[in-house]
Every structure is written in structure tokens, then in C-alpha cells.
Amino acid sequence: MLLPALAIDDAVDRGVGVVRKLGAIIKNKYGDNPAVLAEWTSVSHTERGPKRRSTPTAPTTTAPATAPPTPPATPSPGAAP
């Protein structure tokens, strides 16, 4: 993976952590206000794709079977050269 992509992933991870901490603060401060909690739930929702593996795994496939080499043809006894 390229270095800029790692930096972006790190920044996104930090941002998600901040949103979680803010969520706890919002719930403590506005726990008795369902309108504010509903708005926070709406605006704090983030979607993120699945994390990529650091080492890609190759698909496991079996090699196709190869036929054994065919021996050279031998001329039949009555054939002309």
C-alpha cells in the first residue's frame, strides 16, 4: 500500500475515535433530550468500507493437469519411407 493511503487510513481512524468520544459527551449532556440525540445519531453516522489486508492473499487454485509427452510415432512394418 502506498504511504499516502496509509496516512489517510490513519487520519480516518483518528476521526472515528474522536466521534466516539464526542458521542459519549453528547449522550451525557443531552441524555434527556431525544431530539438532540436523534440529530447526533444522524450526523455522526459514518460508513467505511472493509479494511484491506496488509498482505494480499493469492487465490488457491490447483494447476491444470498436463498430459504426459507423446512418444514419437514409429513407422509400421509395411509402410513406405
C-alpha atoms as a PDB file:
ATOM      1  CA  MET A   1       0.000   0.000   0.000  1.00  0.00           C
ATOM      2  CA  LEU A   2       1.246   3.460  -0.722  1.00  0.00           C
ATOM      3  CA  LEU A   3       2.305   5.824   2.032  1.00  0.00           C
ATOM      4  CA  PRO A   4      -0.427   8.438   1.300  1.00  0.00           C
ATOM      5  CA  ALA A   5      -3.089   5.746   1.589  1.00  0.00           C
ATOM      6  CA  LEU A   6      -1.722   4.738   4.988  1.00  0.00           C
ATOM      7  CA  ALA A   7      -1.803   8.370   6.117  1.00  0.00           C
ATOM      8  CA  ILE A   8      -5.428   8.694   5.015  1.00  0.00           C
ATOM      9  CA  ASP A   9      -6.396   5.475   6.801  1.00  0.00           C
ATOM     10  CA  ASP A  10      -4.682   6.716   9.963  1.00  0.00           C
ATOM     11  CA  ALA A  11      -6.496  10.071   9.787  1.00  0.00           C
ATOM     12  CA  VAL A  12      -9.848   8.336   9.286  1.00  0.00           C
ATOM     13  CA  ASP A  13      -9.171   6.035  12.249  1.00  0.00           C
ATOM     14  CA  ARG A  14      -8.375   9.042  14.444  1.00  0.00           C
ATOM     15  CA  GLY A  15     -11.537  10.815  13.268  1.00  0.00           C
ATOM     16  CA  VAL A  16     -13.701   7.803  14.098  1.00  0.00           C
ATOM     17  CA  GLY A  17     -12.152   7.749  17.586  1.00  0.00           C
ATOM     18  CA  VAL A  18     -12.987  11.434  18.089  1.00  0.00           C
ATOM     19  CA  VAL A  19     -16.593  10.855  17.025  1.00  0.00           C
ATOM     20  CA  ARG A  20     -16.890   8.025  19.565  1.00  0.00           C
ATOM     21  CA  LYS A  21     -15.579  10.271  22.355  1.00  0.00           C
ATOM     22  CA  LEU A  22     -17.916  13.076  21.344  1.00  0.00           C
ATOM     23  CA  GLY A  23     -20.811  10.623  21.320  1.00  0.00           C
ATOM     24  CA  ALA A  24     -20.206   9.828  24.968  1.00  0.00           C
ATOM     25  CA  ILE A  25     -20.142  13.540  25.814  1.00  0.00           C
ATOM     26  CA  ILE A  26     -23.323  14.248  23.841  1.00  0.00           C
ATOM     27  CA  LYS A  27     -25.171  11.355  25.500  1.00  0.00           C
ATOM     28  CA  ASN A  28     -24.129  12.533  28.974  1.00  0.00           C
ATOM     29  CA  LYS A  29     -25.036  16.166  28.340  1.00  0.00           C
ATOM     30  CA  TYR A  30     -28.219  15.687  26.267  1.00  0.00           C
ATOM     31  CA  GLY A  31     -29.458  12.314  27.507  1.00  0.00           C
ATOM     32  CA  ASP A  32     -32.831  13.809  28.405  1.00  0.00           C
ATOM     33  CA  ASN A  33     -33.323  15.496  25.009  1.00  0.00           C
ATOM     34  CA  PRO A  34     -34.396  12.924  22.396  1.00  0.00           C
ATOM     35  CA  ALA A  35     -34.364  15.487  19.569  1.00  0.00           C
ATOM     36  CA  VAL A  36     -30.691  16.328  20.117  1.00  0.00           C
ATOM     37  CA  LEU A  37     -29.765  12.640  20.485  1.00  0.00           C
ATOM     38  CA  ALA A  38     -31.594  11.793  17.270  1.00  0.00           C
ATOM     39  CA  GLU A  39     -29.792  14.596  15.436  1.00  0.00           C
ATOM     40  CA  TRP A  40     -26.422  13.459  16.808  1.00  0.00           C
ATOM     41  CA  THR A  41     -27.129   9.888  15.722  1.00  0.00           C
ATOM     42  CA  SER A  42     -27.904  11.155  12.236  1.00  0.00           C
ATOM     43  CA  VAL A  43     -24.908  13.448  11.785  1.00  0.00           C
ATOM     44  CA  SER A  44     -22.341  11.221  13.478  1.00  0.00           C
ATOM     45  CA  HIS A  45     -23.050   8.176  11.325  1.00  0.00           C
ATOM     46  CA  THR A  46     -20.092   7.223   9.162  1.00  0.00           C
ATOM     47  CA  GLU A  47     -19.770   4.483   6.621  1.00  0.00           C
ATOM     48  CA  ARG A  48     -16.494   2.884   5.851  1.00  0.00           C
ATOM     49  CA  GLY A  49     -15.523   0.089   3.546  1.00  0.00           C
ATOM     50  CA  PRO A  50     -13.878  -3.035   4.861  1.00  0.00           C
ATOM     51  CA  LYS A  51     -10.226  -2.756   5.760  1.00  0.00           C
ATOM     52  CA  ARG A  52      -7.832  -4.209   3.261  1.00  0.00           C
ATOM     53  CA  ARG A  53      -5.398  -6.859   4.282  1.00  0.00           C
ATOM     54  CA  SER A  54      -1.807  -5.737   4.581  1.00  0.00           C
ATOM     55  CA  THR A  55      -0.602  -8.762   2.622  1.00  0.00           C
ATOM     56  CA  PRO A  56      -2.786  -9.825  -0.261  1.00  0.00           C
ATOM     57  CA  THR A  57      -3.544 -13.489  -0.410  1.00  0.00           C
ATOM     58  CA  ALA A  58      -3.371 -15.274  -3.706  1.00  0.00           C
ATOM     59  CA  PRO A  59      -6.391 -17.352  -4.657  1.00  0.00           C
ATOM     60  CA  THR A  60      -5.839 -21.013  -4.087  1.00  0.00           C
ATOM     61  CA  THR A  61      -6.201 -22.889  -7.329  1.00  0.00           C
ATOM     62  CA  THR A  62      -4.777 -26.149  -8.462  1.00  0.00           C
ATOM     63  CA  ALA A  63      -2.605 -26.253 -11.531  1.00  0.00           C
ATOM     64  CA  PRO A  64      -4.236 -27.891 -14.528  1.00  0.00           C
ATOM     65  CA  ALA A  65      -3.131 -31.434 -15.123  1.00  0.00           C
ATOM     66  CA  THR A  66      -0.772 -31.814 -18.054  1.00  0.00           C
ATOM     67  CA  ALA A  67      -0.760 -34.834 -20.308  1.00  0.00           C
ATOM     68  CA  PRO A  68       2.479 -36.846 -20.425  1.00  0.00           C
ATOM     69  CA  PRO A  69       4.527 -36.264 -23.569  1.00  0.00           C
ATOM     70  CA  THR A  70       3.562 -38.411 -26.526  1.00  0.00           C
ATOM     71  CA  PRO A  71       6.384 -40.695 -27.750  1.00  0.00           C
ATOM     72  CA  PRO A  72       7.435 -40.237 -31.382  1.00  0.00           C
ATOM     73  CA  ALA A  73       5.444 -42.312 -33.855  1.00  0.00           C
ATOM     74  CA  THR A  74       7.155 -45.447 -35.120  1.00  0.00           C
ATOM     75  CA  PRO A  75       6.559 -46.476 -38.713  1.00  0.00           C
ATOM     76  CA  SER A  76       4.551 -49.624 -39.237  1.00  0.00           C
ATOM     77  CA  PRO A  77       6.438 -52.581 -40.802  1.00  0.00           C
ATOM     78  CA  GLY A  78       4.830 -52.325 -44.271  1.00  0.00           C
ATOM     79  CA  ALA A  79       4.865 -48.512 -44.615  1.00  0.00           C
ATOM     80  CA  ALA A  80       6.910 -46.742 -47.260  1.00  0.00           C
ATOM     81  CA  PRO A  81       9.627 -44.351 -46.103  1.00  0.00           C
END
